[in-house]
Amino acid sequence: MTDVTLRPWSADDLDLLRRANTPELMDQLGGAETDEEVIARHERYLRMQQEGTAFQFRIEVPGHPEGVGVIGYWRRDHHGRPVLEAGWSVEAAYRGQGIAPAAVVAMLERARDSGETLPVYAYPRVDNPASNSVCRKAGFTLVGEEDFEVRPGLVLHANVWVFELDGASRA
């Protein structure tokens, strides 16, 4: 598996978030954001990490301590029950190298090691073969399709993938 290191999100990661704010990387979230929106998201990541409601990480690979992507998980409800949702993004120049699946596996291990037991959900669009492949490679189980509100007013048709942190499925 590809060698990745996850570093907790820090104030120094704003530039990484700006690099990830491209139309290609942000298509799952409705397109690129304004710089003000990127700054607000960065501040939200920091605040939620401090509150313990979300955990974002910089994805590092050997020779790139500045990071090549972003990954994280946060609490949400799925049909009325509490779950964790996972999301990730790897810069275009580093795709196809196994970084995303390795980072997802590392993130799941971190979540389990920190005592999380809720199932982890991922919602890639049905027409996104790369993200669906990451889910499969990381040990998630495909449980169906549904329309998923990514942010208020933006609904996408997504696959629903689940990973049971309690050991029911393993990466």
Protein backbone atom coordinates (compact mmCIF):
# COMPACT_ATOMS: atom_id res chain seq x y z
CA MET A 1 0.00 0.00 0.00
CA THR A 2 1.13 3.56 -0.70
CA ASP A 3 3.04 5.28 2.11
CA VAL A 4 0.87 8.10 3.51
CA THR A 5 0.90 10.09 6.72
CA LEU A 6 -2.11 11.93 8.09
CA ARG A 7 -1.42 15.15 10.00
CA PRO A 8 -4.21 16.83 11.99
CA TRP A 9 -5.51 19.96 10.31
CA SER A 10 -3.67 23.09 11.43
CA ALA A 11 -3.66 26.82 10.81
CA ASP A 12 -0.82 26.20 8.30
CA ASP A 13 -3.09 24.18 5.97
CA LEU A 14 -4.98 27.06 4.35
CA ASP A 15 -2.72 26.92 1.26
CA LEU A 16 -3.46 23.20 0.85
CA LEU A 17 -7.17 23.97 0.91
CA ARG A 18 -6.67 26.70 -1.66
CA ARG A 19 -4.77 24.26 -3.94
CA ALA A 20 -7.67 21.82 -3.61
CA ASN A 21 -10.16 24.50 -4.68
CA THR A 22 -10.16 23.63 -8.38
CA PRO A 23 -13.19 22.83 -10.54
CA GLU A 24 -11.93 19.23 -10.99
CA LEU A 25 -11.45 18.61 -7.27
CA MET A 26 -14.55 20.48 -6.14
CA ASP A 27 -17.02 19.02 -8.64
CA GLN A 28 -18.43 16.72 -5.94
CA LEU A 29 -19.30 19.77 -3.85
CA GLY A 30 -20.85 21.91 -6.54
CA GLY A 31 -17.76 23.65 -7.92
CA ALA A 32 -14.90 25.83 -6.80
CA GLU A 33 -15.45 28.24 -3.91
CA THR A 34 -14.57 31.90 -3.56
CA ASP A 35 -11.47 32.65 -1.49
CA GLU A 36 -13.77 33.86 1.31
CA GLU A 37 -15.57 30.50 1.26
CA VAL A 38 -12.24 28.62 1.36
CA ILE A 39 -11.12 30.69 4.37
CA ALA A 40 -14.46 30.06 6.10
CA ARG A 41 -14.15 26.30 5.46
CA HIS A 42 -10.59 26.30 6.82
CA GLU A 43 -11.77 28.09 9.97
CA ARG A 44 -14.71 25.65 10.27
CA TYR A 45 -12.29 22.68 10.04
CA LEU A 46 -10.17 24.17 12.83
CA ARG A 47 -13.20 24.97 15.02
CA MET A 48 -14.87 21.58 14.55
CA GLN A 49 -11.61 19.78 15.26
CA GLN A 50 -11.28 21.77 18.48
CA GLU A 51 -14.89 20.93 19.39
CA GLY A 52 -14.35 17.24 18.60
CA THR A 53 -17.20 17.07 16.05
CA ALA A 54 -15.02 16.65 12.96
CA PHE A 55 -11.47 15.56 12.23
CA GLN A 56 -9.68 16.80 9.12
CA PHE A 57 -6.19 15.79 8.08
CA ARG A 58 -3.51 16.83 5.61
CA ILE A 59 -2.44 13.84 3.49
CA GLU A 60 1.35 13.70 3.19
CA VAL A 61 3.46 11.40 1.05
CA PRO A 62 7.26 11.06 1.12
CA GLY A 63 8.89 14.24 -0.18
CA HIS A 64 5.69 16.30 0.16
CA PRO A 65 5.22 17.45 3.78
CA GLU A 66 3.10 20.37 2.49
CA GLY A 67 0.41 17.80 1.71
CA VAL A 68 -1.12 16.43 -1.46
CA GLY A 69 -4.70 16.15 -0.29
CA VAL A 70 -7.31 16.50 2.40
CA ILE A 71 -9.28 13.82 4.24
CA GLY A 72 -11.60 13.81 7.18
CA TYR A 73 -14.67 12.54 8.98
CA TRP A 74 -17.46 14.25 10.87
CA ARG A 75 -20.67 13.44 12.66
CA ARG A 76 -24.02 13.56 10.84
CA ASP A 77 -27.38 11.83 10.76
CA HIS A 78 -28.22 9.25 8.14
CA HIS A 79 -31.97 8.61 8.04
CA GLY A 80 -32.31 9.62 11.68
CA ARG A 81 -29.38 7.71 13.13
CA PRO A 82 -25.96 9.07 14.06
CA VAL A 83 -23.08 8.12 11.77
CA LEU A 84 -19.74 9.46 10.65
CA GLU A 85 -19.33 10.79 7.14
CA ALA A 86 -15.97 10.61 5.39
CA GLY A 87 -14.68 12.75 2.56
CA TRP A 88 -11.37 13.18 0.78
CA SER A 89 -9.63 14.91 -2.08
CA VAL A 90 -6.23 14.28 -3.65
CA GLU A 91 -4.59 16.85 -5.94
CA ALA A 92 -4.77 15.91 -9.62
CA ALA A 93 -0.98 15.49 -9.99
CA TYR A 94 -1.02 12.75 -7.32
CA ARG A 95 -4.06 10.76 -8.40
CA GLY A 96 -3.78 7.18 -9.62
CA GLN A 97 -0.95 6.36 -7.20
CA GLY A 98 -3.01 4.66 -4.49
CA ILE A 99 -2.83 7.68 -2.18
CA ALA A 100 -6.57 8.08 -1.62
CA PRO A 101 -7.28 4.43 -0.66
CA ALA A 102 -4.23 4.38 1.64
CA ALA A 103 -5.33 7.65 3.25
CA VAL A 104 -8.87 6.35 3.76
CA VAL A 105 -7.55 3.19 5.43
CA ALA A 106 -5.28 5.31 7.67
CA MET A 107 -8.20 7.60 8.55
CA LEU A 108 -10.42 4.64 9.45
CA GLU A 109 -7.66 3.27 11.69
CA ARG A 110 -7.33 6.67 13.39
CA ALA A 111 -11.07 6.88 13.95
CA ARG A 112 -11.15 3.37 15.43
CA ASP A 113 -8.05 4.05 17.57
CA SER A 114 -9.67 7.22 18.92
CA GLY A 115 -12.63 5.19 20.15
CA GLU A 116 -15.12 5.88 17.36
CA THR A 117 -17.64 3.08 16.89
CA LEU A 118 -20.26 4.67 14.64
CA PRO A 119 -20.44 3.39 11.07
CA VAL A 120 -18.57 5.53 8.54
CA TYR A 121 -20.50 6.57 5.43
CA ALA A 122 -19.21 7.90 2.12
CA TYR A 123 -21.41 9.36 -0.60
CA PRO A 124 -19.56 9.60 -3.94
CA ARG A 125 -21.65 10.45 -6.97
CA VAL A 126 -22.69 7.37 -8.91
CA ASP A 127 -20.84 8.77 -11.95
CA ASN A 128 -17.53 9.13 -10.09
CA PRO A 129 -15.70 5.83 -10.72
CA ALA A 130 -12.50 6.97 -8.96
CA SER A 131 -14.14 7.76 -5.61
CA ASN A 132 -16.30 4.65 -5.79
CA SER A 133 -13.15 2.61 -6.40
CA VAL A 134 -11.50 4.21 -3.36
CA CYS A 135 -14.44 3.10 -1.23
CA ARG A 136 -14.20 -0.44 -2.55
CA LYS A 137 -10.42 -0.63 -2.07
CA ALA A 138 -10.67 0.74 1.48
CA GLY A 139 -13.13 -1.98 2.50
CA PHE A 140 -16.45 -0.12 2.42
CA THR A 141 -19.65 -1.98 1.50
CA LEU A 142 -21.98 -0.54 -1.14
CA VAL A 143 -25.50 -0.46 0.34
CA GLY A 144 -27.41 1.47 -2.31
CA GLU A 145 -27.99 4.73 -4.12
CA GLU A 146 -29.85 7.85 -3.05
CA ASP A 147 -30.16 11.54 -3.63
CA PHE A 148 -27.82 13.23 -1.18
CA GLU A 149 -27.78 16.87 -0.14
CA VAL A 150 -24.11 17.85 -0.23
CA ARG A 151 -24.83 21.36 0.98
CA PRO A 152 -28.08 23.32 1.25
CA GLY A 153 -29.72 23.37 -2.16
CA LEU A 154 -27.23 21.04 -3.85
CA VAL A 155 -28.52 17.49 -4.25
CA LEU A 156 -26.47 14.82 -6.05
CA HIS A 157 -27.31 11.23 -6.93
CA ALA A 158 -24.79 9.22 -4.91
CA ASN A 159 -23.77 5.72 -4.02
CA VAL A 160 -23.99 4.98 -0.31
CA TRP A 161 -20.96 3.14 1.07
CA VAL A 162 -20.57 2.01 4.70
CA PHE A 163 -17.60 0.89 6.76
CA GLU A 164 -18.28 -0.63 10.19
CA LEU A 165 -15.62 0.54 12.64
CA ASP A 166 -16.68 -2.11 15.14
CA GLY A 167 -14.91 -4.70 12.98
CA ALA A 168 -17.82 -5.96 10.89
CA SER A 169 -15.85 -4.95 7.80
CA ARG A 170 -12.10 -4.48 7.60
CA ALA A 171 -9.86 -2.62 5.19
